[in-house]
């Protein structure tokens, strides 16, 4: 059966997911800003335990899609389920459940500039678990800071005292504060040097394996796509035109995909990913 998130232009054989496998289900999504139509009956499935890369040209609506899934934007039409919960629901219990089960790292980290790293990570804990004592809340925040690859002394630093890569990790620590099964990352390696970006990719892969996360990652970083993503969803023509492993995405004849995945940067990323897999195997 053809994957419901694949159009005829990029059709491929892909067994459909069972309902239990799908943790995010989007059907018929429509988003408009005035006369501008961003999504036109978009469909998407995200499977449990996978790292899904979401790509598309500028203005394709990648961040709008993420915000719609998280309930931060009310779409004009369509259905969205997150862990079986209606993401369009305004019921307090539903909103609370989605907030507690999703962690988000926005592109710029979105840290509170007047709070230390530790205080930033404690914000979700204070909001959702006010019964925790200060000492326990601090220890939980410290655990997430270390889990994100930061040293313990980063807890007492302000965001302005951190490098760009460290701010990303601090934002990741806050996203993990509530132990969510779903992690959303918006351009996590943007602005990082190649070494820092590769280290961040390795961290996400390790966290997925250790914590059993499902990861929804918006990225333009070809190295990230080839290094850690199980499938890639391509947004174009106001829809997800294909959602498949990279080997299948590369075969799609849609012009944007051909330009994006067959240019010199893509070839370099393919070689790097192949070399890394060979080193791991050896």
C-alpha atoms as a PDB file:
ATOM      1  CA  UNK A   1       0.000   0.000   0.000  1.00  0.00           C
ATOM      2  CA  UNK A   2       1.292   3.482  -0.797  1.00  0.00           C
ATOM      3  CA  UNK A   3       2.183   5.678   2.140  1.00  0.00           C
ATOM      4  CA  UNK A   4      -0.618   8.269   2.608  1.00  0.00           C
ATOM      5  CA  UNK A   5       1.994  11.012   2.788  1.00  0.00           C
ATOM      6  CA  UNK A   6       3.430  10.251  -0.637  1.00  0.00           C
ATOM      7  CA  UNK A   7       2.033  11.832  -3.800  1.00  0.00           C
ATOM      8  CA  UNK A   8       1.909  10.125  -7.166  1.00  0.00           C
ATOM      9  CA  UNK A   9       4.844  12.248  -8.358  1.00  0.00           C
ATOM     10  CA  UNK A  10       7.082  10.459  -5.869  1.00  0.00           C
ATOM     11  CA  UNK A  11       5.214   7.204  -5.393  1.00  0.00           C
ATOM     12  CA  UNK A  12       7.084   4.328  -3.784  1.00  0.00           C
ATOM     13  CA  UNK A  13       6.303   1.033  -2.115  1.00  0.00           C
ATOM     14  CA  UNK A  14       6.121   1.661   1.619  1.00  0.00           C
ATOM     15  CA  UNK A  15       4.112  -0.514   4.024  1.00  0.00           C
ATOM     16  CA  UNK A  16       1.559   1.622   5.821  1.00  0.00           C
ATOM     17  CA  UNK A  17       2.077   2.062   9.546  1.00  0.00           C
ATOM     18  CA  UNK A  18      -0.234   0.400  12.019  1.00  0.00           C
ATOM     19  CA  UNK A  19      -2.209   2.739  14.235  1.00  0.00           C
ATOM     20  CA  UNK A  20      -0.093   1.729  17.249  1.00  0.00           C
ATOM     21  CA  UNK A  21       3.086   2.751  15.413  1.00  0.00           C
ATOM     22  CA  UNK A  22       1.892   6.289  14.664  1.00  0.00           C
ATOM     23  CA  UNK A  23       2.451   8.852  17.418  1.00  0.00           C
ATOM     24  CA  UNK A  24       1.696  11.914  15.270  1.00  0.00           C
ATOM     25  CA  UNK A  25      -1.076  11.708  12.687  1.00  0.00           C
ATOM     26  CA  UNK A  26      -1.948  14.667  10.443  1.00  0.00           C
ATOM     27  CA  UNK A  27      -4.738  14.489   7.883  1.00  0.00           C
ATOM     28  CA  UNK A  28      -6.077  17.185   5.551  1.00  0.00           C
ATOM     29  CA  UNK A  29      -4.185  20.026   7.234  1.00  0.00           C
ATOM     30  CA  UNK A  30      -4.944  23.491   5.875  1.00  0.00           C
ATOM     31  CA  UNK A  31      -3.151  26.618   7.058  1.00  0.00           C
ATOM     32  CA  UNK A  32      -3.742  30.093   5.665  1.00  0.00           C
ATOM     33  CA  UNK A  33      -2.396  33.533   6.475  1.00  0.00           C
ATOM     34  CA  UNK A  34      -4.881  35.864   4.860  1.00  0.00           C
ATOM     35  CA  UNK A  35      -4.858  35.059   1.147  1.00  0.00           C
ATOM     36  CA  UNK A  36      -1.644  33.025   1.449  1.00  0.00           C
ATOM     37  CA  UNK A  37      -2.255  29.270   1.468  1.00  0.00           C
ATOM     38  CA  UNK A  38       0.620  27.523   3.265  1.00  0.00           C
ATOM     39  CA  UNK A  39      -0.715  23.965   3.595  1.00  0.00           C
ATOM     40  CA  UNK A  40      -3.347  22.463   1.325  1.00  0.00           C
ATOM     41  CA  UNK A  41      -4.736  19.213   2.770  1.00  0.00           C
ATOM     42  CA  UNK A  42      -1.354  18.041   4.030  1.00  0.00           C
ATOM     43  CA  UNK A  43      -0.993  14.497   5.417  1.00  0.00           C
ATOM     44  CA  UNK A  44       1.803  13.195   7.630  1.00  0.00           C
ATOM     45  CA  UNK A  45       2.544  10.223   9.893  1.00  0.00           C
ATOM     46  CA  UNK A  46       5.375  10.119  12.434  1.00  0.00           C
ATOM     47  CA  UNK A  47       6.199   6.656  13.730  1.00  0.00           C
ATOM     48  CA  UNK A  48       7.091   5.732  17.276  1.00  0.00           C
ATOM     49  CA  UNK A  49      10.832   5.765  17.952  1.00  0.00           C
ATOM     50  CA  UNK A  50      11.938   7.271  14.643  1.00  0.00           C
ATOM     51  CA  UNK A  51      13.921  10.404  13.900  1.00  0.00           C
ATOM     52  CA  UNK A  52      11.974  12.178  11.167  1.00  0.00           C
ATOM     53  CA  UNK A  53      13.693  14.955   9.243  1.00  0.00           C
ATOM     54  CA  UNK A  54      11.402  17.628   7.805  1.00  0.00           C
ATOM     55  CA  UNK A  55      12.773  19.630   4.887  1.00  0.00           C
ATOM     56  CA  UNK A  56      11.484  22.070   2.306  1.00  0.00           C
ATOM     57  CA  UNK A  57      12.252  25.345   0.652  1.00  0.00           C
ATOM     58  CA  UNK A  58      11.912  28.730   2.323  1.00  0.00           C
ATOM     59  CA  UNK A  59       8.242  29.430   2.995  1.00  0.00           C
ATOM     60  CA  UNK A  60       7.202  25.789   2.618  1.00  0.00           C
ATOM     61  CA  UNK A  61       5.600  25.906   6.073  1.00  0.00           C
ATOM     62  CA  UNK A  62       7.875  23.646   8.111  1.00  0.00           C
ATOM     63  CA  UNK A  63       7.665  25.689  11.331  1.00  0.00           C
ATOM     64  CA  UNK A  64       3.947  26.318  10.779  1.00  0.00           C
ATOM     65  CA  UNK A  65       3.455  22.547  10.585  1.00  0.00           C
ATOM     66  CA  UNK A  66       5.361  22.037  13.838  1.00  0.00           C
ATOM     67  CA  UNK A  67       3.400  24.764  15.608  1.00  0.00           C
ATOM     68  CA  UNK A  68       0.132  23.257  14.387  1.00  0.00           C
ATOM     69  CA  UNK A  69       1.093  19.822  15.708  1.00  0.00           C
ATOM     70  CA  UNK A  70       2.015  21.330  19.075  1.00  0.00           C
ATOM     71  CA  UNK A  71      -1.247  23.270  19.280  1.00  0.00           C
ATOM     72  CA  UNK A  72       0.550  26.625  19.182  1.00  0.00           C
ATOM     73  CA  UNK A  73      -1.396  27.507  16.050  1.00  0.00           C
ATOM     74  CA  UNK A  74      -4.985  26.629  15.209  1.00  0.00           C
ATOM     75  CA  UNK A  75      -5.142  25.410  11.599  1.00  0.00           C
ATOM     76  CA  UNK A  76      -7.950  26.386   9.265  1.00  0.00           C
ATOM     77  CA  UNK A  77      -8.910  22.753   8.662  1.00  0.00           C
ATOM     78  CA  UNK A  78      -7.719  19.216   9.179  1.00  0.00           C
ATOM     79  CA  UNK A  79      -7.141  16.648  11.913  1.00  0.00           C
ATOM     80  CA  UNK A  80      -4.076  16.288  14.129  1.00  0.00           C
ATOM     81  CA  UNK A  81      -3.496  13.585  16.724  1.00  0.00           C
ATOM     82  CA  UNK A  82      -0.505  13.558  19.071  1.00  0.00           C
ATOM     83  CA  UNK A  83      -0.156  10.355  21.097  1.00  0.00           C
ATOM     84  CA  UNK A  84      -3.838   9.741  20.436  1.00  0.00           C
ATOM     85  CA  UNK A  85      -4.872  13.189  21.683  1.00  0.00           C
ATOM     86  CA  UNK A  86      -6.673  15.711  19.484  1.00  0.00           C
ATOM     87  CA  UNK A  87      -4.121  18.518  19.125  1.00  0.00           C
ATOM     88  CA  UNK A  88      -6.899  20.944  18.148  1.00  0.00           C
ATOM     89  CA  UNK A  89      -8.736  20.363  21.412  1.00  0.00           C
ATOM     90  CA  UNK A  90      -9.075  23.318  23.761  1.00  0.00           C
ATOM     91  CA  UNK A  91      -9.901  21.118  26.740  1.00  0.00           C
ATOM     92  CA  UNK A  92      -7.435  21.902  29.547  1.00  0.00           C
ATOM     93  CA  UNK A  93      -6.742  18.220  30.200  1.00  0.00           C
ATOM     94  CA  UNK A  94      -5.842  17.609  26.552  1.00  0.00           C
ATOM     95  CA  UNK A  95      -3.628  20.683  26.335  1.00  0.00           C
ATOM     96  CA  UNK A  96      -1.862  19.703  29.558  1.00  0.00           C
ATOM     97  CA  UNK A  97      -1.267  16.153  28.338  1.00  0.00           C
ATOM     98  CA  UNK A  98       0.336  17.340  25.092  1.00  0.00           C
ATOM     99  CA  UNK A  99       2.503  19.890  26.915  1.00  0.00           C
ATOM    100  CA  UNK A 100       3.735  17.255  29.374  1.00  0.00           C
ATOM    101  CA  UNK A 101       4.542  14.728  26.662  1.00  0.00           C
ATOM    102  CA  UNK A 102       6.350  16.998  24.196  1.00  0.00           C
ATOM    103  CA  UNK A 103       9.642  18.840  24.459  1.00  0.00           C
ATOM    104  CA  UNK A 104      10.571  21.634  22.063  1.00  0.00           C
ATOM    105  CA  UNK A 105      13.894  23.166  21.111  1.00  0.00           C
ATOM    106  CA  UNK A 106      13.255  26.307  19.089  1.00  0.00           C
ATOM    107  CA  UNK A 107      15.824  27.543  16.604  1.00  0.00           C
ATOM    108  CA  UNK A 108      17.326  30.232  18.815  1.00  0.00           C
ATOM    109  CA  UNK A 109      17.012  28.210  22.017  1.00  0.00           C
ATOM    110  CA  UNK A 110      14.338  30.611  23.335  1.00  0.00           C
ATOM    111  CA  UNK A 111      15.995  30.738  26.751  1.00  0.00           C
ATOM    112  CA  UNK A 112      14.946  33.357  29.278  1.00  0.00           C
ATOM    113  CA  UNK A 113      17.879  35.773  29.235  1.00  0.00           C
ATOM    114  CA  UNK A 114      17.468  36.861  32.870  1.00  0.00           C
ATOM    115  CA  UNK A 115      17.493  33.281  34.214  1.00  0.00           C
ATOM    116  CA  UNK A 116      20.452  30.979  34.647  1.00  0.00           C
ATOM    117  CA  UNK A 117      20.626  27.726  32.707  1.00  0.00           C
ATOM    118  CA  UNK A 118      19.460  25.817  35.761  1.00  0.00           C
ATOM    119  CA  UNK A 119      16.548  28.179  36.308  1.00  0.00           C
ATOM    120  CA  UNK A 120      15.578  27.864  32.648  1.00  0.00           C
ATOM    121  CA  UNK A 121      15.489  24.087  32.898  1.00  0.00           C
ATOM    122  CA  UNK A 122      13.462  24.302  36.093  1.00  0.00           C
ATOM    123  CA  UNK A 123      10.688  26.364  34.454  1.00  0.00           C
ATOM    124  CA  UNK A 124       8.707  23.355  33.110  1.00  0.00           C
ATOM    125  CA  UNK A 125       9.214  21.527  36.400  1.00  0.00           C
ATOM    126  CA  UNK A 126       7.801  24.443  38.384  1.00  0.00           C
ATOM    127  CA  UNK A 127       4.834  24.738  36.022  1.00  0.00           C
ATOM    128  CA  UNK A 128       3.895  21.065  35.846  1.00  0.00           C
ATOM    129  CA  UNK A 129       5.224  19.727  39.150  1.00  0.00           C
ATOM    130  CA  UNK A 130       4.857  22.509  41.739  1.00  0.00           C
ATOM    131  CA  UNK A 131       4.874  19.892  44.503  1.00  0.00           C
ATOM    132  CA  UNK A 132       8.614  19.285  44.042  1.00  0.00           C
ATOM    133  CA  UNK A 133      10.897  20.790  46.655  1.00  0.00           C
ATOM    134  CA  UNK A 134      13.645  23.182  45.551  1.00  0.00           C
ATOM    135  CA  UNK A 135      16.446  20.674  46.150  1.00  0.00           C
ATOM    136  CA  UNK A 136      14.830  17.896  44.122  1.00  0.00           C
ATOM    137  CA  UNK A 137      13.919  20.281  41.314  1.00  0.00           C
ATOM    138  CA  UNK A 138      17.533  21.472  41.177  1.00  0.00           C
ATOM    139  CA  UNK A 139      18.847  17.893  41.033  1.00  0.00           C
ATOM    140  CA  UNK A 140      16.458  17.018  38.207  1.00  0.00           C
ATOM    141  CA  UNK A 141      17.547  20.096  36.279  1.00  0.00           C
ATOM    142  CA  UNK A 142      21.206  19.223  36.843  1.00  0.00           C
ATOM    143  CA  UNK A 143      20.567  15.705  35.517  1.00  0.00           C
ATOM    144  CA  UNK A 144      19.071  17.083  32.302  1.00  0.00           C
ATOM    145  CA  UNK A 145      21.903  19.586  31.887  1.00  0.00           C
ATOM    146  CA  UNK A 146      24.475  16.779  32.141  1.00  0.00           C
ATOM    147  CA  UNK A 147      22.367  14.577  29.853  1.00  0.00           C
ATOM    148  CA  UNK A 148      22.538  17.323  27.234  1.00  0.00           C
ATOM    149  CA  UNK A 149      26.312  17.326  27.330  1.00  0.00           C
ATOM    150  CA  UNK A 150      26.886  20.450  29.413  1.00  0.00           C
ATOM    151  CA  UNK A 151      29.184  20.586  32.461  1.00  0.00           C
ATOM    152  CA  UNK A 152      27.621  20.984  35.878  1.00  0.00           C
ATOM    153  CA  UNK A 153      28.958  24.544  36.267  1.00  0.00           C
ATOM    154  CA  UNK A 154      26.767  25.641  33.331  1.00  0.00           C
ATOM    155  CA  UNK A 155      23.818  25.523  35.722  1.00  0.00           C
ATOM    156  CA  UNK A 156      24.732  28.900  37.207  1.00  0.00           C
ATOM    157  CA  UNK A 157      25.540  30.688  33.960  1.00  0.00           C
ATOM    158  CA  UNK A 158      23.303  33.084  32.070  1.00  0.00           C
ATOM    159  CA  UNK A 159      22.557  32.394  28.387  1.00  0.00           C
ATOM    160  CA  UNK A 160      24.703  35.386  27.414  1.00  0.00           C
ATOM    161  CA  UNK A 161      27.699  33.648  28.993  1.00  0.00           C
ATOM    162  CA  UNK A 162      27.353  30.588  26.772  1.00  0.00           C
ATOM    163  CA  UNK A 163      28.523  29.841  23.260  1.00  0.00           C
ATOM    164  CA  UNK A 164      25.931  29.185  20.571  1.00  0.00           C
ATOM    165  CA  UNK A 165      26.387  25.439  20.857  1.00  0.00           C
ATOM    166  CA  UNK A 166      26.043  25.520  24.631  1.00  0.00           C
ATOM    167  CA  UNK A 167      22.828  27.548  24.369  1.00  0.00           C
ATOM    168  CA  UNK A 168      21.441  24.884  22.044  1.00  0.00           C
ATOM    169  CA  UNK A 169      22.274  22.226  24.605  1.00  0.00           C
ATOM    170  CA  UNK A 170      20.739  24.290  27.405  1.00  0.00           C
ATOM    171  CA  UNK A 171      17.563  24.600  25.351  1.00  0.00           C
ATOM    172  CA  UNK A 172      17.654  20.857  24.791  1.00  0.00           C
ATOM    173  CA  UNK A 173      18.009  20.260  28.532  1.00  0.00           C
ATOM    174  CA  UNK A 174      14.871  22.331  29.128  1.00  0.00           C
ATOM    175  CA  UNK A 175      13.048  20.429  26.359  1.00  0.00           C
ATOM    176  CA  UNK A 176      13.879  17.175  28.174  1.00  0.00           C
ATOM    177  CA  UNK A 177      12.908  18.452  31.626  1.00  0.00           C
ATOM    178  CA  UNK A 178       9.609  16.553  31.789  1.00  0.00           C
ATOM    179  CA  UNK A 179      10.961  13.326  30.233  1.00  0.00           C
ATOM    180  CA  UNK A 180       8.759  13.682  27.133  1.00  0.00           C
ATOM    181  CA  UNK A 181       8.473  10.806  24.648  1.00  0.00           C
ATOM    182  CA  UNK A 182       8.238  13.319  21.784  1.00  0.00           C
ATOM    183  CA  UNK A 183      11.012  15.798  20.992  1.00  0.00           C
ATOM    184  CA  UNK A 184      10.664  18.634  18.466  1.00  0.00           C
ATOM    185  CA  UNK A 185      13.794  20.354  17.157  1.00  0.00           C
ATOM    186  CA  UNK A 186      13.691  23.443  14.924  1.00  0.00           C
ATOM    187  CA  UNK A 187      16.990  23.863  13.034  1.00  0.00           C
ATOM    188  CA  UNK A 188      19.080  22.576  15.974  1.00  0.00           C
ATOM    189  CA  UNK A 189      22.420  22.777  14.152  1.00  0.00           C
ATOM    190  CA  UNK A 190      21.869  26.165  12.495  1.00  0.00           C
ATOM    191  CA  UNK A 191      24.783  28.490  13.224  1.00  0.00           C
ATOM    192  CA  UNK A 192      27.036  25.747  14.571  1.00  0.00           C
ATOM    193  CA  UNK A 193      30.438  24.926  13.127  1.00  0.00           C
ATOM    194  CA  UNK A 194      30.753  21.479  11.467  1.00  0.00           C
ATOM    195  CA  UNK A 195      32.333  19.880  14.533  1.00  0.00           C
ATOM    196  CA  UNK A 196      29.673  21.281  16.866  1.00  0.00           C
ATOM    197  CA  UNK A 197      26.889  20.280  14.490  1.00  0.00           C
ATOM    198  CA  UNK A 198      28.206  16.715  14.215  1.00  0.00           C
ATOM    199  CA  UNK A 199      28.485  16.470  18.008  1.00  0.00           C
ATOM    200  CA  UNK A 200      24.891  17.661  18.377  1.00  0.00           C
ATOM    201  CA  UNK A 201      23.715  15.056  15.854  1.00  0.00           C
ATOM    202  CA  UNK A 202      25.508  12.336  17.802  1.00  0.00           C
ATOM    203  CA  UNK A 203      23.875  13.570  21.010  1.00  0.00           C
ATOM    204  CA  UNK A 204      20.377  13.375  19.510  1.00  0.00           C
ATOM    205  CA  UNK A 205      21.037   9.868  18.243  1.00  0.00           C
ATOM    206  CA  UNK A 206      22.328   8.791  21.665  1.00  0.00           C
ATOM    207  CA  UNK A 207      19.346  10.331  23.455  1.00  0.00           C
ATOM    208  CA  UNK A 208      16.921   8.597  21.109  1.00  0.00           C
ATOM    209  CA  UNK A 209      18.529   5.261  21.860  1.00  0.00           C
ATOM    210  CA  UNK A 210      18.807   5.839  25.616  1.00  0.00           C
ATOM    211  CA  UNK A 211      15.394   7.400  26.224  1.00  0.00           C
ATOM    212  CA  UNK A 212      13.302   5.828  23.476  1.00  0.00           C
ATOM    213  CA  UNK A 213      12.443   9.225  22.003  1.00  0.00           C
ATOM    214  CA  UNK A 214      10.540  10.007  18.851  1.00  0.00           C
ATOM    215  CA  UNK A 215      12.193  13.023  17.223  1.00  0.00           C
ATOM    216  CA  UNK A 216      10.638  15.508  14.779  1.00  0.00           C
ATOM    217  CA  UNK A 217      13.455  17.620  13.405  1.00  0.00           C
ATOM    218  CA  UNK A 218      13.216  20.560  11.021  1.00  0.00           C
ATOM    219  CA  UNK A 219      16.567  21.033   9.348  1.00  0.00           C
ATOM    220  CA  UNK A 220      18.405  22.240   6.261  1.00  0.00           C
ATOM    221  CA  UNK A 221      21.536  20.394   7.348  1.00  0.00           C
ATOM    222  CA  UNK A 222      22.222  17.624   4.853  1.00  0.00           C
ATOM    223  CA  UNK A 223      24.765  16.061   7.207  1.00  0.00           C
ATOM    224  CA  UNK A 224      22.043  15.727   9.844  1.00  0.00           C
ATOM    225  CA  UNK A 225      19.640  14.127   7.380  1.00  0.00           C
ATOM    226  CA  UNK A 226      22.163  11.512   6.269  1.00  0.00           C
ATOM    227  CA  UNK A 227      23.662  10.897   9.710  1.00  0.00           C
ATOM    228  CA  UNK A 228      20.666  10.383  11.985  1.00  0.00           C
ATOM    229  CA  UNK A 229      17.273  10.519  10.212  1.00  0.00           C
ATOM    230  CA  UNK A 230      15.303   7.320   9.657  1.00  0.00           C
ATOM    231  CA  UNK A 231      12.940   9.005   7.225  1.00  0.00           C
ATOM    232  CA  UNK A 232      12.670  12.413   5.568  1.00  0.00           C
ATOM    233  CA  UNK A 233       9.427  14.270   4.885  1.00  0.00           C
ATOM    234  CA  UNK A 234       9.671  16.816   2.081  1.00  0.00           C
ATOM    235  CA  UNK A 235       7.310  19.789   2.055  1.00  0.00           C
ATOM    236  CA  UNK A 236       6.623  21.221  -1.396  1.00  0.00           C
ATOM    237  CA  UNK A 237       3.574  22.357  -3.338  1.00  0.00           C
ATOM    238  CA  UNK A 238       1.833  22.954   0.029  1.00  0.00           C
ATOM    239  CA  UNK A 239       1.921  19.242   0.916  1.00  0.00           C
ATOM    240  CA  UNK A 240       4.231  16.498   2.114  1.00  0.00           C
ATOM    241  CA  UNK A 241       5.162  15.100  -1.282  1.00  0.00           C
ATOM    242  CA  UNK A 242       7.173  12.184   0.088  1.00  0.00           C
ATOM    243  CA  UNK A 243       7.929  10.734   3.517  1.00  0.00           C
ATOM    244  CA  UNK A 244      10.438   7.920   3.205  1.00  0.00           C
ATOM    245  CA  UNK A 245      14.012   6.777   3.859  1.00  0.00           C
ATOM    246  CA  UNK A 246      16.598   8.938   2.111  1.00  0.00           C
ATOM    247  CA  UNK A 247      17.421   6.309  -0.498  1.00  0.00           C
ATOM    248  CA  UNK A 248      13.836   6.540  -1.721  1.00  0.00           C
ATOM    249  CA  UNK A 249      13.585  10.317  -1.388  1.00  0.00           C
ATOM    250  CA  UNK A 250      16.646  10.691  -3.630  1.00  0.00           C
ATOM    251  CA  UNK A 251      14.832   8.848  -6.421  1.00  0.00           C
ATOM    252  CA  UNK A 252      11.884  11.240  -6.460  1.00  0.00           C
ATOM    253  CA  UNK A 253      11.890  13.279  -9.667  1.00  0.00           C
ATOM    254  CA  UNK A 254      10.323  16.404  -8.172  1.00  0.00           C
ATOM    255  CA  UNK A 255      12.575  19.350  -9.202  1.00  0.00           C
ATOM    256  CA  UNK A 256      13.264  20.699  -5.697  1.00  0.00           C
ATOM    257  CA  UNK A 257      14.231  17.259  -4.430  1.00  0.00           C
ATOM    258  CA  UNK A 258      16.528  16.663  -7.392  1.00  0.00           C
ATOM    259  CA  UNK A 259      18.261  20.008  -6.845  1.00  0.00           C
ATOM    260  CA  UNK A 260      18.521  19.567  -3.075  1.00  0.00           C
ATOM    261  CA  UNK A 261      19.632  15.942  -2.840  1.00  0.00           C
ATOM    262  CA  UNK A 262      21.861  15.704  -5.905  1.00  0.00           C
ATOM    263  CA  UNK A 263      23.997  18.831  -5.563  1.00  0.00           C
ATOM    264  CA  UNK A 264      27.647  18.892  -4.415  1.00  0.00           C
ATOM    265  CA  UNK A 265      26.753  19.385  -0.750  1.00  0.00           C
ATOM    266  CA  UNK A 266      24.430  16.393  -0.803  1.00  0.00           C
ATOM    267  CA  UNK A 267      27.120  14.229  -2.392  1.00  0.00           C
ATOM    268  CA  UNK A 268      29.588  15.290   0.304  1.00  0.00           C
ATOM    269  CA  UNK A 269      27.047  14.451   3.027  1.00  0.00           C
ATOM    270  CA  UNK A 270      26.427  11.029   1.455  1.00  0.00           C
ATOM    271  CA  UNK A 271      30.143  10.264   1.421  1.00  0.00           C
ATOM    272  CA  UNK A 272      30.576  11.409   5.035  1.00  0.00           C
ATOM    273  CA  UNK A 273      27.645   9.284   6.211  1.00  0.00           C
ATOM    274  CA  UNK A 274      28.946   6.242   4.322  1.00  0.00           C
ATOM    275  CA  UNK A 275      32.421   6.669   5.804  1.00  0.00           C
ATOM    276  CA  UNK A 276      31.012   6.987   9.325  1.00  0.00           C
ATOM    277  CA  UNK A 277      28.891   3.850   8.944  1.00  0.00           C
ATOM    278  CA  UNK A 278      31.954   1.972   7.661  1.00  0.00           C
ATOM    279  CA  UNK A 279      34.011   3.098  10.653  1.00  0.00           C
ATOM    280  CA  UNK A 280      31.300   2.000  13.083  1.00  0.00           C
ATOM    281  CA  UNK A 281      31.025  -1.379  11.356  1.00  0.00           C
ATOM    282  CA  UNK A 282      34.788  -1.904  11.426  1.00  0.00           C
END
